[in-house]
Amino acid sequence: MHIDLHPAGTAAALAVLGTEISETIGARVSALNHAVCAAHLVGVIETVPAFASLLVRYDPLLTDYDALCAQLRRLASGLNDEAAAQGRTVEIPVCYGGPYGEDLPFVASHAGLSEEEVIRLHSERPYRIYMLGFLPGFPYLGGLNERLFTPRLQAPRTRSPGGAVGSGGQQAGSCPRESPGGWQLIGRTPLRLFDPDRPLPYAAGDFIRFVPISEREFCALEAKKEGARP
């Protein structure tokens, strides 16, 4: 696996694995991140995966840029497609349409599909988490079916509910808490995906699979949200 390395400030190295957003590059970033974490490299403080790069922060009192880069190149040279496929699959229940997904009719019309077909296509495959950003716990997901690519809203909402599930352009995502946003919302999960007192149920490199549920199931899970985790 080829990587380009660059200093990032005085105590970090940026490993660049590509120049585009793609499933292949996202998988390579995930594989390198897993390898760095598993190696327990001396001085490494934190890794931050992104769409096409991995930031590795280090303690300059314990290691230096050149030594870290040598270790990163060594780890990258031992990675293959099998390593890039690693990652847990986390299931997230979603109630689609109606008051839970107000943009489902538009997404269906734009795709030339029925609402039921949109739901089937959206939930039939797992999505790799490329990176977390925008909000704590917000997963940027790759793997959205091309038939569901839909433009973002021309005028973003000032409020999208926590748990909203939707798409923006070529990506899927789930909003862990209430926020502004311009994505097309097609469903909502009753789970509290981000809780500052608990670890996230997923990480960059994992996979999310959306599981359709009924409104009754949604209400039952929401009623016990405090204990509901994927």
Protein backbone atom coordinates (compact mmCIF):
# COMPACT_ATOMS: atom_id res chain seq x y z
CA MET A 1 0.00 0.00 0.00
CA HIS A 2 1.53 3.32 -1.11
CA ILE A 3 1.30 6.32 1.21
CA ASP A 4 2.53 9.91 0.96
CA LEU A 5 3.65 11.37 4.27
CA HIS A 6 3.64 15.01 5.28
CA PRO A 7 4.30 16.84 8.56
CA ALA A 8 1.18 18.34 10.15
CA GLY A 9 2.25 20.96 12.64
CA THR A 10 5.07 20.10 15.04
CA ALA A 11 3.74 16.81 16.41
CA ALA A 12 1.75 14.95 13.77
CA ALA A 13 2.20 13.09 10.49
CA LEU A 14 -0.40 13.00 7.75
CA ALA A 15 -0.51 9.80 5.70
CA VAL A 16 -2.27 10.46 2.39
CA LEU A 17 -3.60 7.40 0.57
CA GLY A 18 -5.44 9.05 -2.31
CA THR A 19 -7.11 12.17 -3.64
CA GLU A 20 -10.77 11.15 -3.91
CA ILE A 21 -13.66 9.78 -1.89
CA SER A 22 -14.06 6.12 -2.76
CA GLU A 23 -14.74 2.78 -1.10
CA THR A 24 -11.29 1.49 -2.07
CA ILE A 25 -9.40 4.41 -0.54
CA GLY A 26 -11.69 4.46 2.49
CA ALA A 27 -10.92 0.80 3.11
CA ARG A 28 -7.18 1.47 2.88
CA VAL A 29 -7.41 4.31 5.39
CA SER A 30 -9.30 1.99 7.73
CA ALA A 31 -6.72 -0.77 7.30
CA LEU A 32 -3.80 1.56 8.05
CA ASN A 33 -5.61 2.97 11.08
CA HIS A 34 -6.23 -0.54 12.45
CA ALA A 35 -2.58 -1.43 11.88
CA VAL A 36 -1.27 1.69 13.64
CA CYS A 37 -3.56 1.17 16.63
CA ALA A 38 -2.70 -2.53 16.88
CA ALA A 39 1.06 -1.83 16.72
CA HIS A 40 0.98 0.38 19.86
CA LEU A 41 3.74 2.55 18.44
CA VAL A 42 5.78 4.36 21.07
CA GLY A 43 4.77 8.01 21.32
CA VAL A 44 1.57 7.80 19.26
CA ILE A 45 -1.19 9.72 21.02
CA GLU A 46 -4.10 9.64 18.59
CA THR A 47 -5.14 8.66 15.09
CA VAL A 48 -7.76 10.57 13.10
CA PRO A 49 -9.06 8.79 9.96
CA ALA A 50 -10.53 10.93 7.17
CA PHE A 51 -11.81 10.26 3.65
CA ALA A 52 -8.40 9.72 2.06
CA SER A 53 -5.86 10.26 4.82
CA LEU A 54 -4.86 9.32 8.34
CA LEU A 55 -3.54 11.87 10.81
CA VAL A 56 -1.21 10.40 13.43
CA ARG A 57 -0.44 12.61 16.43
CA TYR A 58 2.63 11.84 18.53
CA ASP A 59 4.49 12.97 21.63
CA PRO A 60 7.74 14.62 20.42
CA LEU A 61 9.40 13.71 23.72
CA LEU A 62 8.96 10.01 22.95
CA THR A 63 9.45 9.83 19.17
CA ASP A 64 10.06 12.10 16.18
CA TYR A 65 8.65 12.65 12.72
CA ASP A 66 11.27 10.65 10.81
CA ALA A 67 11.03 7.64 13.14
CA LEU A 68 7.25 7.66 12.98
CA CYS A 69 7.23 7.91 9.18
CA ALA A 70 9.54 4.91 8.94
CA GLN A 71 7.13 2.90 11.10
CA LEU A 72 4.10 4.03 9.09
CA ARG A 73 5.76 3.00 5.82
CA ARG A 74 6.62 -0.39 7.32
CA LEU A 75 3.05 -0.96 8.45
CA ALA A 76 1.60 0.18 5.13
CA SER A 77 3.88 -2.16 3.18
CA GLY A 78 2.37 -5.16 4.97
CA LEU A 79 -1.27 -4.34 4.27
CA ASN A 80 -3.42 -6.09 1.67
CA ASP A 81 -7.06 -6.28 0.54
CA GLU A 82 -7.93 -8.69 3.34
CA ALA A 83 -6.73 -6.20 5.95
CA ALA A 84 -8.69 -3.42 4.23
CA ALA A 85 -11.92 -5.39 4.64
CA GLN A 86 -11.81 -5.37 8.44
CA GLY A 87 -14.49 -3.68 10.54
CA ARG A 88 -17.50 -4.49 12.67
CA THR A 89 -21.06 -4.28 11.35
CA VAL A 90 -23.43 -2.28 13.57
CA GLU A 91 -27.17 -2.55 12.93
CA ILE A 92 -29.27 0.59 13.36
CA PRO A 93 -33.09 0.36 13.28
CA VAL A 94 -34.81 2.98 11.11
CA CYS A 95 -38.44 3.96 10.64
CA TYR A 96 -38.73 5.25 7.08
CA GLY A 97 -41.03 7.90 5.61
CA GLY A 98 -43.99 9.78 7.01
CA PRO A 99 -43.14 12.07 9.93
CA TYR A 100 -39.81 10.22 10.31
CA GLY A 101 -38.54 10.84 6.78
CA GLU A 102 -40.20 13.82 5.15
CA ASP A 103 -37.98 13.76 2.05
CA LEU A 104 -38.65 10.14 1.12
CA PRO A 105 -41.26 11.10 -1.51
CA PHE A 106 -38.81 13.49 -3.21
CA VAL A 107 -35.96 10.96 -3.16
CA ALA A 108 -38.28 8.35 -4.68
CA SER A 109 -39.50 10.75 -7.37
CA HIS A 110 -35.97 11.87 -8.20
CA ALA A 111 -34.85 8.25 -8.58
CA GLY A 112 -37.94 7.16 -10.50
CA LEU A 113 -38.70 4.57 -7.81
CA SER A 114 -41.47 3.83 -5.36
CA GLU A 115 -40.92 4.68 -1.71
CA GLU A 116 -40.79 0.97 -0.93
CA GLU A 117 -38.01 0.47 -3.49
CA VAL A 118 -36.01 3.34 -1.98
CA ILE A 119 -36.30 1.74 1.46
CA ARG A 120 -35.22 -1.64 0.08
CA LEU A 121 -32.21 -0.21 -1.73
CA HIS A 122 -31.19 1.96 1.22
CA SER A 123 -31.28 -0.92 3.71
CA GLU A 124 -30.02 -3.82 1.61
CA ARG A 125 -26.27 -3.23 2.01
CA PRO A 126 -23.85 -2.24 4.78
CA TYR A 127 -22.17 1.17 4.62
CA ARG A 128 -18.53 1.72 5.54
CA ILE A 129 -17.91 4.61 7.93
CA TYR A 130 -15.31 6.70 6.14
CA MET A 131 -14.90 9.22 8.93
CA LEU A 132 -16.61 10.92 11.86
CA GLY A 133 -17.11 14.67 11.70
CA PHE A 134 -19.40 17.70 11.51
CA LEU A 135 -20.94 16.70 14.86
CA PRO A 136 -19.72 14.30 17.55
CA GLY A 137 -20.53 10.83 16.30
CA PHE A 138 -21.75 11.86 12.83
CA PRO A 139 -20.75 9.03 10.44
CA TYR A 140 -19.99 9.84 6.82
CA LEU A 141 -20.97 6.65 5.02
CA GLY A 142 -19.82 5.22 1.72
CA GLY A 143 -21.64 2.64 -0.36
CA LEU A 144 -24.92 4.41 -1.15
CA ASN A 145 -26.64 2.82 -4.15
CA GLU A 146 -26.10 5.06 -7.19
CA ARG A 147 -29.85 5.09 -7.89
CA LEU A 148 -30.31 6.95 -4.60
CA PHE A 149 -27.85 9.77 -5.32
CA THR A 150 -29.93 12.92 -4.68
CA PRO A 151 -28.95 16.62 -4.55
CA ARG A 152 -28.85 18.28 -1.16
CA LEU A 153 -31.53 20.78 -0.23
CA GLN A 154 -31.14 24.15 -1.93
CA ALA A 155 -32.01 25.83 1.38
CA PRO A 156 -30.69 23.82 4.38
CA ARG A 157 -32.98 23.22 7.32
CA THR A 158 -32.31 25.11 10.51
CA ARG A 159 -33.28 21.96 12.41
CA SER A 160 -32.90 18.27 11.62
CA PRO A 161 -33.98 15.93 14.43
CA GLY A 162 -31.53 13.75 16.29
CA GLY A 163 -31.48 10.28 14.77
CA ALA A 164 -32.37 11.53 11.28
CA VAL A 165 -31.16 9.23 8.49
CA GLY A 166 -30.64 10.55 5.00
CA SER A 167 -28.36 11.25 2.09
CA GLY A 168 -26.46 14.16 0.64
CA GLY A 169 -25.23 13.79 -2.91
CA GLN A 170 -23.41 10.46 -3.09
CA GLN A 171 -23.20 9.78 0.64
CA ALA A 172 -25.43 8.46 3.39
CA GLY A 173 -25.38 9.47 7.03
CA SER A 174 -27.22 9.56 10.33
CA CYS A 175 -27.42 12.67 12.47
CA PRO A 176 -26.65 11.76 16.11
CA ARG A 177 -28.26 14.89 17.55
CA GLU A 178 -30.47 17.80 16.51
CA SER A 179 -28.67 20.20 14.17
CA PRO A 180 -29.02 22.28 11.00
CA GLY A 181 -28.50 20.37 7.76
CA GLY A 182 -29.16 20.15 4.06
CA TRP A 183 -29.44 16.40 3.59
CA GLN A 184 -32.50 14.61 2.25
CA LEU A 185 -34.10 12.90 5.26
CA ILE A 186 -35.78 9.57 4.55
CA GLY A 187 -36.00 8.01 8.02
CA ARG A 188 -35.08 8.21 11.67
CA THR A 189 -33.61 5.89 14.28
CA PRO A 190 -34.93 5.88 17.84
CA LEU A 191 -31.47 5.12 19.21
CA ARG A 192 -29.33 7.73 20.87
CA LEU A 193 -26.19 7.28 18.84
CA PHE A 194 -24.13 9.88 20.69
CA ASP A 195 -24.06 10.04 24.47
CA PRO A 196 -21.18 11.96 26.10
CA ASP A 197 -21.25 9.51 29.00
CA ARG A 198 -20.89 6.39 26.82
CA PRO A 199 -18.55 5.29 24.05
CA LEU A 200 -19.84 5.46 20.49
CA PRO A 201 -21.25 2.15 19.23
CA TYR A 202 -19.13 2.44 16.07
CA ALA A 203 -15.86 3.90 14.80
CA ALA A 204 -14.38 4.97 11.49
CA GLY A 205 -13.75 1.82 9.45
CA ASP A 206 -16.76 -0.04 10.84
CA PHE A 207 -19.92 -0.74 8.84
CA ILE A 208 -23.49 0.37 9.50
CA ARG A 209 -26.51 -1.55 8.27
CA PHE A 210 -29.89 0.16 8.47
CA VAL A 211 -32.74 -2.17 9.49
CA PRO A 212 -36.30 -1.05 8.62
CA ILE A 213 -38.76 -1.05 11.54
CA SER A 214 -42.41 -0.09 11.95
CA GLU A 215 -43.69 3.02 13.70
CA ARG A 216 -44.81 0.83 16.60
CA GLU A 217 -41.30 -0.59 16.96
CA PHE A 218 -39.88 2.91 16.73
CA CYS A 219 -42.09 4.14 19.58
CA ALA A 220 -41.26 1.11 21.73
CA LEU A 221 -37.51 1.62 21.30
CA GLU A 222 -37.78 5.36 21.83
CA ALA A 223 -39.63 4.75 25.10
CA LYS A 224 -36.60 2.91 26.47
CA LYS A 225 -34.01 5.05 24.67
CA GLU A 226 -31.85 5.36 27.74
CA GLY A 227 -31.05 1.67 27.52
CA ALA A 228 -31.22 1.22 23.76
CA ARG A 229 -27.85 0.79 22.02
CA PRO A 230 -27.05 -0.78 18.64
